[in-house]
Structures are given as C-alpha cells and as structure tokens.
C-alpha cells in the first residue's frame, strides 16, 4: 500500500505538471497493455475515492452522480475535475488508512484465530472486523518508542503468539509428539498452553489479578484478543497490556529446555 501511495502521488504530479507529462499519462491510460497502465488505474481509484469522501470505504468507481456505476477502467481521467488532481498531506493520510482498513478487513480469514475448544465463537468475524480502525489508533501504537528492544519483542511475541515460548505453537511447528494435539501449560499443568492462556488464565502467574481485571474487555475476545489490543483506542489499556506481558515473562520459565529435546 505504501508503494501504491508513492505511485499515486507521482501520477498526480504528472497530471498537474507540464502538458507533455499530462499527455503522456493520458497515452498510458489508453493502452491497457502498457506496463504502467495499472499505476494510472490506481490514481483514478484515488480520484474516485476523493469524490466519494462521504463513504471512505467505498473504492468502487462512482465518480459522477449523473453517471451509472462503471468499471474504473472505462472512466477517463478527463472525466474528473482537474482540481481533484491536487492533493494535501491529509488527503493522502485519509486515503492510505482507508486502504489499510479495507485490506485488513478483506484478510479477516488470516487475521482471526479459531478456538478449537469453543462450541460457538463468542464473536463472529463480522464483529471482529468492526474493531479495525487504523485511523483511531494511529497515535496510540501498541509498541511505543520508549520501550526497549527486548520489551518490544516480548509484547509483539505475546500479541501474535507465534513463538516457541508457547507450547501450542512449539509443538505444532516442531511436532515432537504427534499424539499431543494441544500441550498443557508447563507452568500450571492444568490448561492447554497458548499466549492467551499465559496472559489471562495461567494460575502459576501471580500478582496480576489487577492487570487482568483491567484488561477483561480485551480478554473477552479470547483467542482473538490480539485484534482487540492492537486496535484499542485507550492508551492506558495498552500500557497495562505491556505491564502484564512483562509480569508473565518475569515469572514464567516457558520450559525452554523442552524445546531443545531431541
């Protein structure tokens, strides 16, 4: 998406530059076989969005209220008011975030996790997709610049859960024992191990009841808590999440010796 935005800005600069550059872009637009044809199409997609700012998620062409909805490839750059060729930093920011939101929502299948122990998921994928709002969390990152590299790595590791410190991932990747479907936690030995379990369930982690209570609205998303914490708009929530991760890391052995077993 970042590369797409650079391309769009370049095409728009050509459209507002010298007549020769404007003519060249129009020539490319008329040649679908041209290697830069789709870059021009992306610029038209942006122009179309700009006309329809009332619905920033709608990226399907509908540039003129007097025209029926058409394929963006059939709409000419000349159909747009030339004033739209000019853009501001805010325009690009808003369009970029709308593209990220659209891309993330289209990827819900890979972003969400399935709880194999739940008879009925507590939240549907449609409900989870409503959490996604890159604009709202732009200034509230999950990992801020003040965190050390080690702590940043820990927070990210607990968020995506794909780390050898968690037995569910370790066994699924290394497959030491193919008869073990979900290994139990090496700390409490009572429940299947995972990043979610370590953070919100493990009884071997003590002194974190207050933090877990403050993050109950994140834990309610269960195995999909990563979406809830990434798109949480409360800075204090993310700080408490960082503190909880740190507390778990300090107390849990994670059984690294088991991961080195033959």
C-alpha atoms as a PDB file:
ATOM      1  CA  UNK A   1       0.000   0.000   0.000  1.00  0.00           C
ATOM      2  CA  UNK A   2       2.874   2.388   0.745  1.00  0.00           C
ATOM      3  CA  UNK A   3       4.317   1.748  -2.719  1.00  0.00           C
ATOM      4  CA  UNK A   4       0.856   2.288  -4.180  1.00  0.00           C
ATOM      5  CA  UNK A   5       0.655   5.694  -2.491  1.00  0.00           C
ATOM      6  CA  UNK A   6       4.048   6.750  -3.873  1.00  0.00           C
ATOM      7  CA  UNK A   7       2.853   5.769  -7.345  1.00  0.00           C
ATOM      8  CA  UNK A   8      -0.402   7.690  -6.977  1.00  0.00           C
ATOM      9  CA  UNK A   9       1.374  10.857  -5.894  1.00  0.00           C
ATOM     10  CA  UNK A  10       3.771  10.573  -8.846  1.00  0.00           C
ATOM     11  CA  UNK A  11       0.902  10.226 -11.345  1.00  0.00           C
ATOM     12  CA  UNK A  12      -0.929  13.175  -9.792  1.00  0.00           C
ATOM     13  CA  UNK A  13       2.203  15.318 -10.008  1.00  0.00           C
ATOM     14  CA  UNK A  14       2.448  14.436 -13.685  1.00  0.00           C
ATOM     15  CA  UNK A  15      -1.181  15.475 -14.180  1.00  0.00           C
ATOM     16  CA  UNK A  16      -0.517  18.854 -12.565  1.00  0.00           C
ATOM     17  CA  UNK A  17       2.852  19.364 -14.242  1.00  0.00           C
ATOM     18  CA  UNK A  18       3.888  20.109 -17.777  1.00  0.00           C
ATOM     19  CA  UNK A  19       1.496  19.490 -20.649  1.00  0.00           C
ATOM     20  CA  UNK A  20       3.854  16.857 -22.067  1.00  0.00           C
ATOM     21  CA  UNK A  21       3.642  14.818 -18.850  1.00  0.00           C
ATOM     22  CA  UNK A  22      -0.142  15.179 -18.757  1.00  0.00           C
ATOM     23  CA  UNK A  23      -0.345  13.943 -22.340  1.00  0.00           C
ATOM     24  CA  UNK A  24       1.934  11.002 -21.555  1.00  0.00           C
ATOM     25  CA  UNK A  25      -0.305   9.871 -18.701  1.00  0.00           C
ATOM     26  CA  UNK A  26      -3.335  10.053 -20.996  1.00  0.00           C
ATOM     27  CA  UNK A  27      -1.480   7.942 -23.567  1.00  0.00           C
ATOM     28  CA  UNK A  28      -0.720   5.295 -20.949  1.00  0.00           C
ATOM     29  CA  UNK A  29      -4.344   5.354 -19.804  1.00  0.00           C
ATOM     30  CA  UNK A  30      -5.443   4.493 -23.338  1.00  0.00           C
ATOM     31  CA  UNK A  31      -3.100   1.483 -23.561  1.00  0.00           C
ATOM     32  CA  UNK A  32      -4.154  -1.372 -21.245  1.00  0.00           C
ATOM     33  CA  UNK A  33      -1.124  -3.361 -22.348  1.00  0.00           C
ATOM     34  CA  UNK A  34       1.286  -0.649 -21.172  1.00  0.00           C
ATOM     35  CA  UNK A  35       3.414  -1.738 -18.230  1.00  0.00           C
ATOM     36  CA  UNK A  36       2.423   1.375 -16.256  1.00  0.00           C
ATOM     37  CA  UNK A  37      -1.282   1.154 -17.082  1.00  0.00           C
ATOM     38  CA  UNK A  38      -2.318  -0.180 -13.661  1.00  0.00           C
ATOM     39  CA  UNK A  39      -0.431   2.619 -11.903  1.00  0.00           C
ATOM     40  CA  UNK A  40      -2.692   5.076 -13.702  1.00  0.00           C
ATOM     41  CA  UNK A  41      -5.709   2.968 -12.696  1.00  0.00           C
ATOM     42  CA  UNK A  42      -4.640   3.272  -9.040  1.00  0.00           C
ATOM     43  CA  UNK A  43      -4.508   7.053  -9.420  1.00  0.00           C
ATOM     44  CA  UNK A  44      -8.074   7.003 -10.778  1.00  0.00           C
ATOM     45  CA  UNK A  45      -9.096   4.846  -7.845  1.00  0.00           C
ATOM     46  CA  UNK A  46      -7.791   7.576  -5.543  1.00  0.00           C
ATOM     47  CA  UNK A  47      -9.615  10.291  -7.507  1.00  0.00           C
ATOM     48  CA  UNK A  48     -12.788   8.266  -7.293  1.00  0.00           C
ATOM     49  CA  UNK A  49     -12.382   7.947  -3.513  1.00  0.00           C
ATOM     50  CA  UNK A  50     -11.830  11.688  -3.255  1.00  0.00           C
ATOM     51  CA  UNK A  51     -15.140  12.366  -4.982  1.00  0.00           C
ATOM     52  CA  UNK A  52     -16.858   9.982  -2.563  1.00  0.00           C
ATOM     53  CA  UNK A  53     -15.278  11.083   0.716  1.00  0.00           C
ATOM     54  CA  UNK A  54     -18.631  10.710   2.461  1.00  0.00           C
ATOM     55  CA  UNK A  55     -18.002   6.966   2.237  1.00  0.00           C
ATOM     56  CA  UNK A  56     -14.254   6.464   2.503  1.00  0.00           C
ATOM     57  CA  UNK A  57     -14.543   2.687   2.408  1.00  0.00           C
ATOM     58  CA  UNK A  58     -16.253   2.729  -0.990  1.00  0.00           C
ATOM     59  CA  UNK A  59     -13.496   2.317  -3.533  1.00  0.00           C
ATOM     60  CA  UNK A  60     -15.696   1.024  -6.369  1.00  0.00           C
ATOM     61  CA  UNK A  61     -15.988   3.715  -9.077  1.00  0.00           C
ATOM     62  CA  UNK A  62     -18.909   6.078  -8.845  1.00  0.00           C
ATOM     63  CA  UNK A  63     -17.265   9.356  -9.803  1.00  0.00           C
ATOM     64  CA  UNK A  64     -20.182  11.378 -11.071  1.00  0.00           C
ATOM     65  CA  UNK A  65     -23.675  11.409  -9.637  1.00  0.00           C
ATOM     66  CA  UNK A  66     -25.084  11.760 -13.159  1.00  0.00           C
ATOM     67  CA  UNK A  67     -23.362   8.564 -14.379  1.00  0.00           C
ATOM     68  CA  UNK A  68     -24.138   4.983 -13.604  1.00  0.00           C
ATOM     69  CA  UNK A  69     -21.593   2.888 -11.708  1.00  0.00           C
ATOM     70  CA  UNK A  70     -18.938   1.692 -14.128  1.00  0.00           C
ATOM     71  CA  UNK A  71     -15.664  -0.146 -14.165  1.00  0.00           C
ATOM     72  CA  UNK A  72     -12.892   2.241 -13.238  1.00  0.00           C
ATOM     73  CA  UNK A  73     -11.056   1.289 -16.412  1.00  0.00           C
ATOM     74  CA  UNK A  74     -13.833   2.796 -18.534  1.00  0.00           C
ATOM     75  CA  UNK A  75     -13.666   6.163 -16.790  1.00  0.00           C
ATOM     76  CA  UNK A  76     -11.275   8.709 -18.242  1.00  0.00           C
ATOM     77  CA  UNK A  77      -9.043  10.983 -16.224  1.00  0.00           C
ATOM     78  CA  UNK A  78     -10.654  13.796 -18.183  1.00  0.00           C
ATOM     79  CA  UNK A  79     -13.978  12.971 -16.524  1.00  0.00           C
ATOM     80  CA  UNK A  80     -12.648  14.305 -13.230  1.00  0.00           C
ATOM     81  CA  UNK A  81     -12.429  17.960 -12.292  1.00  0.00           C
ATOM     82  CA  UNK A  82      -8.777  18.956 -12.674  1.00  0.00           C
ATOM     83  CA  UNK A  83      -8.903  20.450  -9.152  1.00  0.00           C
ATOM     84  CA  UNK A  84      -9.008  16.868  -7.842  1.00  0.00           C
ATOM     85  CA  UNK A  85      -5.510  16.241  -9.188  1.00  0.00           C
ATOM     86  CA  UNK A  86      -4.123  18.377  -6.366  1.00  0.00           C
ATOM     87  CA  UNK A  87      -3.746  16.636  -3.018  1.00  0.00           C
ATOM     88  CA  UNK A  88      -2.837  17.510   0.544  1.00  0.00           C
ATOM     89  CA  UNK A  89      -0.979  15.540   3.182  1.00  0.00           C
ATOM     90  CA  UNK A  90      -4.295  14.944   4.948  1.00  0.00           C
ATOM     91  CA  UNK A  91      -5.871  13.597   1.742  1.00  0.00           C
ATOM     92  CA  UNK A  92      -3.105  11.034   1.354  1.00  0.00           C
ATOM     93  CA  UNK A  93      -3.250  10.107   5.032  1.00  0.00           C
ATOM     94  CA  UNK A  94      -7.013   9.523   4.942  1.00  0.00           C
ATOM     95  CA  UNK A  95      -6.849   7.506   1.731  1.00  0.00           C
ATOM     96  CA  UNK A  96      -3.931   5.399   2.990  1.00  0.00           C
ATOM     97  CA  UNK A  97      -5.741   4.492   6.192  1.00  0.00           C
ATOM     98  CA  UNK A  98      -8.920   3.667   4.275  1.00  0.00           C
ATOM     99  CA  UNK A  99      -6.910   1.322   2.053  1.00  0.00           C
ATOM    100  CA  UNK A 100      -5.326  -0.331   5.098  1.00  0.00           C
ATOM    101  CA  UNK A 101      -8.739  -0.793   6.712  1.00  0.00           C
ATOM    102  CA  UNK A 102     -10.142  -2.312   3.541  1.00  0.00           C
ATOM    103  CA  UNK A 103      -7.130  -4.594   3.128  1.00  0.00           C
ATOM    104  CA  UNK A 104      -7.231  -5.786   6.748  1.00  0.00           C
ATOM    105  CA  UNK A 105     -10.963  -6.462   6.659  1.00  0.00           C
ATOM    106  CA  UNK A 106     -10.533  -8.428   3.459  1.00  0.00           C
ATOM    107  CA  UNK A 107      -7.880 -10.511   5.253  1.00  0.00           C
ATOM    108  CA  UNK A 108     -10.003 -11.456   8.262  1.00  0.00           C
ATOM    109  CA  UNK A 109      -9.650 -15.140   7.385  1.00  0.00           C
ATOM    110  CA  UNK A 110      -5.908 -14.988   8.067  1.00  0.00           C
ATOM    111  CA  UNK A 111      -6.083 -12.382  10.845  1.00  0.00           C
ATOM    112  CA  UNK A 112      -8.524 -14.272  13.040  1.00  0.00           C
ATOM    113  CA  UNK A 113      -7.849 -17.439  15.027  1.00  0.00           C
ATOM    114  CA  UNK A 114     -10.130 -20.379  15.668  1.00  0.00           C
ATOM    115  CA  UNK A 115     -10.615 -21.614  19.211  1.00  0.00           C
ATOM    116  CA  UNK A 116     -10.830 -25.390  18.844  1.00  0.00           C
ATOM    117  CA  UNK A 117     -12.353 -25.682  22.325  1.00  0.00           C
ATOM    118  CA  UNK A 118     -15.221 -23.257  21.727  1.00  0.00           C
ATOM    119  CA  UNK A 119     -18.522 -24.771  20.644  1.00  0.00           C
ATOM    120  CA  UNK A 120     -19.720 -21.382  19.382  1.00  0.00           C
ATOM    121  CA  UNK A 121     -17.295 -18.468  18.854  1.00  0.00           C
ATOM    122  CA  UNK A 122     -18.113 -15.570  21.147  1.00  0.00           C
ATOM    123  CA  UNK A 123     -17.559 -13.073  18.341  1.00  0.00           C
ATOM    124  CA  UNK A 124     -18.221 -13.502  14.632  1.00  0.00           C
ATOM    125  CA  UNK A 125     -15.702 -12.428  12.010  1.00  0.00           C
ATOM    126  CA  UNK A 126     -18.036  -9.574  11.124  1.00  0.00           C
ATOM    127  CA  UNK A 127     -17.914  -8.342  14.716  1.00  0.00           C
ATOM    128  CA  UNK A 128     -14.141  -8.713  14.811  1.00  0.00           C
ATOM    129  CA  UNK A 129     -13.770  -6.764  11.577  1.00  0.00           C
ATOM    130  CA  UNK A 130     -15.555  -3.834  13.249  1.00  0.00           C
ATOM    131  CA  UNK A 131     -12.561  -3.483  15.581  1.00  0.00           C
ATOM    132  CA  UNK A 132     -10.319  -2.486  12.698  1.00  0.00           C
ATOM    133  CA  UNK A 133      -9.788   1.267  12.515  1.00  0.00           C
ATOM    134  CA  UNK A 134      -6.241   2.290  11.662  1.00  0.00           C
ATOM    135  CA  UNK A 135      -7.041   5.995  11.943  1.00  0.00           C
ATOM    136  CA  UNK A 136      -8.218   5.729  15.553  1.00  0.00           C
ATOM    137  CA  UNK A 137      -5.019   4.009  16.718  1.00  0.00           C
ATOM    138  CA  UNK A 138      -2.509   5.852  14.565  1.00  0.00           C
ATOM    139  CA  UNK A 139      -1.264   7.868  17.558  1.00  0.00           C
ATOM    140  CA  UNK A 140      -1.694   5.036  20.077  1.00  0.00           C
ATOM    141  CA  UNK A 141       0.785   2.341  18.995  1.00  0.00           C
ATOM    142  CA  UNK A 142       0.932  -0.982  20.753  1.00  0.00           C
ATOM    143  CA  UNK A 143       4.709  -0.639  20.995  1.00  0.00           C
ATOM    144  CA  UNK A 144       5.900   2.911  21.530  1.00  0.00           C
ATOM    145  CA  UNK A 145       9.384   4.315  21.086  1.00  0.00           C
ATOM    146  CA  UNK A 146      10.091   4.383  24.813  1.00  0.00           C
ATOM    147  CA  UNK A 147      10.118   0.582  25.086  1.00  0.00           C
ATOM    148  CA  UNK A 148      13.422  -1.232  24.897  1.00  0.00           C
ATOM    149  CA  UNK A 149      14.018  -3.653  22.055  1.00  0.00           C
ATOM    150  CA  UNK A 150      13.658  -6.609  24.404  1.00  0.00           C
ATOM    151  CA  UNK A 151      10.336  -5.455  25.843  1.00  0.00           C
ATOM    152  CA  UNK A 152       9.058  -4.550  22.372  1.00  0.00           C
ATOM    153  CA  UNK A 153       9.900  -8.060  21.182  1.00  0.00           C
ATOM    154  CA  UNK A 154       8.096  -9.561  24.166  1.00  0.00           C
ATOM    155  CA  UNK A 155       4.939  -7.507  23.569  1.00  0.00           C
ATOM    156  CA  UNK A 156       4.881  -8.367  19.876  1.00  0.00           C
ATOM    157  CA  UNK A 157       5.561 -12.041  20.621  1.00  0.00           C
ATOM    158  CA  UNK A 158       2.641 -12.283  23.041  1.00  0.00           C
ATOM    159  CA  UNK A 159       0.415 -10.487  20.560  1.00  0.00           C
ATOM    160  CA  UNK A 160       0.966 -12.710  17.543  1.00  0.00           C
ATOM    161  CA  UNK A 161       1.514 -15.825  19.676  1.00  0.00           C
ATOM    162  CA  UNK A 162       3.836 -17.467  17.164  1.00  0.00           C
ATOM    163  CA  UNK A 163       6.738 -18.061  19.480  1.00  0.00           C
ATOM    164  CA  UNK A 164       8.465 -21.175  20.766  1.00  0.00           C
ATOM    165  CA  UNK A 165       7.778 -19.951  24.295  1.00  0.00           C
ATOM    166  CA  UNK A 166       4.171 -21.111  23.826  1.00  0.00           C
ATOM    167  CA  UNK A 167       3.654 -24.848  23.712  1.00  0.00           C
ATOM    168  CA  UNK A 168       0.755 -24.777  21.257  1.00  0.00           C
ATOM    169  CA  UNK A 169       2.977 -23.138  18.637  1.00  0.00           C
ATOM    170  CA  UNK A 170       6.134 -25.057  19.540  1.00  0.00           C
ATOM    171  CA  UNK A 171       4.507 -28.463  19.246  1.00  0.00           C
ATOM    172  CA  UNK A 172       2.590 -27.586  16.090  1.00  0.00           C
ATOM    173  CA  UNK A 173       5.825 -26.428  14.464  1.00  0.00           C
ATOM    174  CA  UNK A 174       8.316 -28.982  15.790  1.00  0.00           C
ATOM    175  CA  UNK A 175       5.854 -31.880  16.231  1.00  0.00           C
ATOM    176  CA  UNK A 176       7.869 -33.706  18.884  1.00  0.00           C
ATOM    177  CA  UNK A 177       4.832 -35.739  19.843  1.00  0.00           C
ATOM    178  CA  UNK A 178       2.233 -36.063  17.100  1.00  0.00           C
ATOM    179  CA  UNK A 179      -0.238 -37.578  19.562  1.00  0.00           C
ATOM    180  CA  UNK A 180      -0.341 -34.357  21.574  1.00  0.00           C
ATOM    181  CA  UNK A 181      -2.893 -32.046  19.979  1.00  0.00           C
ATOM    182  CA  UNK A 182      -2.681 -29.154  22.444  1.00  0.00           C
ATOM    183  CA  UNK A 183       0.076 -29.462  25.090  1.00  0.00           C
ATOM    184  CA  UNK A 184      -0.757 -28.252  28.559  1.00  0.00           C
ATOM    185  CA  UNK A 185       0.962 -25.278  30.124  1.00  0.00           C
ATOM    186  CA  UNK A 186       4.351 -26.148  31.591  1.00  0.00           C
ATOM    187  CA  UNK A 187       3.741 -23.678  34.427  1.00  0.00           C
ATOM    188  CA  UNK A 188       0.305 -24.646  35.780  1.00  0.00           C
ATOM    189  CA  UNK A 189      -0.125 -28.038  34.047  1.00  0.00           C
ATOM    190  CA  UNK A 190      -3.876 -27.555  34.071  1.00  0.00           C
ATOM    191  CA  UNK A 191      -4.909 -25.975  30.772  1.00  0.00           C
ATOM    192  CA  UNK A 192      -3.725 -26.043  27.138  1.00  0.00           C
ATOM    193  CA  UNK A 193      -0.884 -23.604  26.622  1.00  0.00           C
ATOM    194  CA  UNK A 194      -1.004 -20.524  24.400  1.00  0.00           C
ATOM    195  CA  UNK A 195      -0.213 -16.824  24.559  1.00  0.00           C
ATOM    196  CA  UNK A 196      -3.803 -16.145  25.642  1.00  0.00           C
ATOM    197  CA  UNK A 197      -3.550 -18.732  28.416  1.00  0.00           C
ATOM    198  CA  UNK A 198      -0.289 -17.294  29.732  1.00  0.00           C
ATOM    199  CA  UNK A 199      -1.704 -13.773  29.817  1.00  0.00           C
ATOM    200  CA  UNK A 200      -5.216 -14.313  31.117  1.00  0.00           C
ATOM    201  CA  UNK A 201      -5.629 -17.817  32.555  1.00  0.00           C
ATOM    202  CA  UNK A 202      -2.433 -19.315  33.955  1.00  0.00           C
ATOM    203  CA  UNK A 203      -2.734 -19.666  37.745  1.00  0.00           C
ATOM    204  CA  UNK A 204       1.027 -20.015  38.098  1.00  0.00           C
ATOM    205  CA  UNK A 205       1.405 -16.342  37.234  1.00  0.00           C
ATOM    206  CA  UNK A 206       0.665 -14.458  40.438  1.00  0.00           C
ATOM    207  CA  UNK A 207       0.186 -10.828  41.400  1.00  0.00           C
ATOM    208  CA  UNK A 208      -1.505  -9.926  38.119  1.00  0.00           C
ATOM    209  CA  UNK A 209      -5.178 -10.026  39.119  1.00  0.00           C
ATOM    210  CA  UNK A 210      -5.492  -6.244  38.948  1.00  0.00           C
ATOM    211  CA  UNK A 211      -3.930  -6.102  35.483  1.00  0.00           C
ATOM    212  CA  UNK A 212      -6.091  -8.963  34.241  1.00  0.00           C
ATOM    213  CA  UNK A 213      -9.163  -7.230  35.626  1.00  0.00           C
ATOM    214  CA  UNK A 214      -8.288  -4.009  33.843  1.00  0.00           C
ATOM    215  CA  UNK A 215      -7.861  -5.960  30.607  1.00  0.00           C
ATOM    216  CA  UNK A 216     -11.036  -8.045  30.933  1.00  0.00           C
ATOM    217  CA  UNK A 217     -12.569  -6.230  27.934  1.00  0.00           C
ATOM    218  CA  UNK A 218      -9.589  -7.435  25.879  1.00  0.00           C
ATOM    219  CA  UNK A 219      -9.665 -10.984  27.267  1.00  0.00           C
ATOM    220  CA  UNK A 220     -13.333 -11.359  26.331  1.00  0.00           C
ATOM    221  CA  UNK A 221     -12.223 -11.702  22.708  1.00  0.00           C
ATOM    222  CA  UNK A 222     -10.401 -14.869  23.796  1.00  0.00           C
ATOM    223  CA  UNK A 223      -8.058 -16.224  21.096  1.00  0.00           C
ATOM    224  CA  UNK A 224      -8.667 -13.104  19.014  1.00  0.00           C
ATOM    225  CA  UNK A 225      -7.577 -10.753  21.793  1.00  0.00           C
ATOM    226  CA  UNK A 226      -4.727  -9.612  19.523  1.00  0.00           C
ATOM    227  CA  UNK A 227      -7.157  -7.632  17.369  1.00  0.00           C
ATOM    228  CA  UNK A 228      -8.771  -6.048  20.416  1.00  0.00           C
ATOM    229  CA  UNK A 229      -5.459  -4.879  21.891  1.00  0.00           C
ATOM    230  CA  UNK A 230      -3.941  -3.705  18.604  1.00  0.00           C
ATOM    231  CA  UNK A 231      -6.990  -1.557  17.835  1.00  0.00           C
ATOM    232  CA  UNK A 232      -7.660  -0.446  21.418  1.00  0.00           C
ATOM    233  CA  UNK A 233      -8.046   3.337  21.480  1.00  0.00           C
ATOM    234  CA  UNK A 234      -7.222   3.725  25.165  1.00  0.00           C
ATOM    235  CA  UNK A 235      -3.519   4.331  25.782  1.00  0.00           C
ATOM    236  CA  UNK A 236      -3.794   3.155  29.387  1.00  0.00           C
ATOM    237  CA  UNK A 237      -5.108  -0.210  28.169  1.00  0.00           C
ATOM    238  CA  UNK A 238      -2.019  -0.731  26.044  1.00  0.00           C
ATOM    239  CA  UNK A 239       0.273   0.295  28.899  1.00  0.00           C
ATOM    240  CA  UNK A 240      -1.383  -2.231  31.208  1.00  0.00           C
ATOM    241  CA  UNK A 241      -1.040  -4.872  28.487  1.00  0.00           C
ATOM    242  CA  UNK A 242       2.693  -4.158  28.307  1.00  0.00           C
ATOM    243  CA  UNK A 243       2.900  -4.483  32.093  1.00  0.00           C
ATOM    244  CA  UNK A 244       1.039  -7.799  32.040  1.00  0.00           C
ATOM    245  CA  UNK A 245       3.365  -9.186  29.372  1.00  0.00           C
ATOM    246  CA  UNK A 246       6.360  -8.147  31.435  1.00  0.00           C
ATOM    247  CA  UNK A 247       4.938  -9.773  34.578  1.00  0.00           C
ATOM    248  CA  UNK A 248       4.351 -13.058  32.755  1.00  0.00           C
ATOM    249  CA  UNK A 249       7.831 -13.039  31.223  1.00  0.00           C
ATOM    250  CA  UNK A 250       9.435 -12.471  34.618  1.00  0.00           C
ATOM    251  CA  UNK A 251       7.564 -15.366  36.227  1.00  0.00           C
ATOM    252  CA  UNK A 252       7.266 -17.992  33.516  1.00  0.00           C
ATOM    253  CA  UNK A 253      10.081 -20.396  32.740  1.00  0.00           C
ATOM    254  CA  UNK A 254       8.489 -21.311  29.401  1.00  0.00           C
ATOM    255  CA  UNK A 255      10.242 -24.670  29.540  1.00  0.00           C
ATOM    256  CA  UNK A 256      12.941 -23.755  27.020  1.00  0.00           C
ATOM    257  CA  UNK A 257      14.748 -26.978  27.905  1.00  0.00           C
ATOM    258  CA  UNK A 258      11.832 -28.956  26.464  1.00  0.00           C
ATOM    259  CA  UNK A 259      12.233 -27.169  23.149  1.00  0.00           C
ATOM    260  CA  UNK A 260      15.812 -28.404  22.889  1.00  0.00           C
ATOM    261  CA  UNK A 261      14.860 -32.024  23.436  1.00  0.00           C
ATOM    262  CA  UNK A 262      15.781 -34.445  20.632  1.00  0.00           C
END
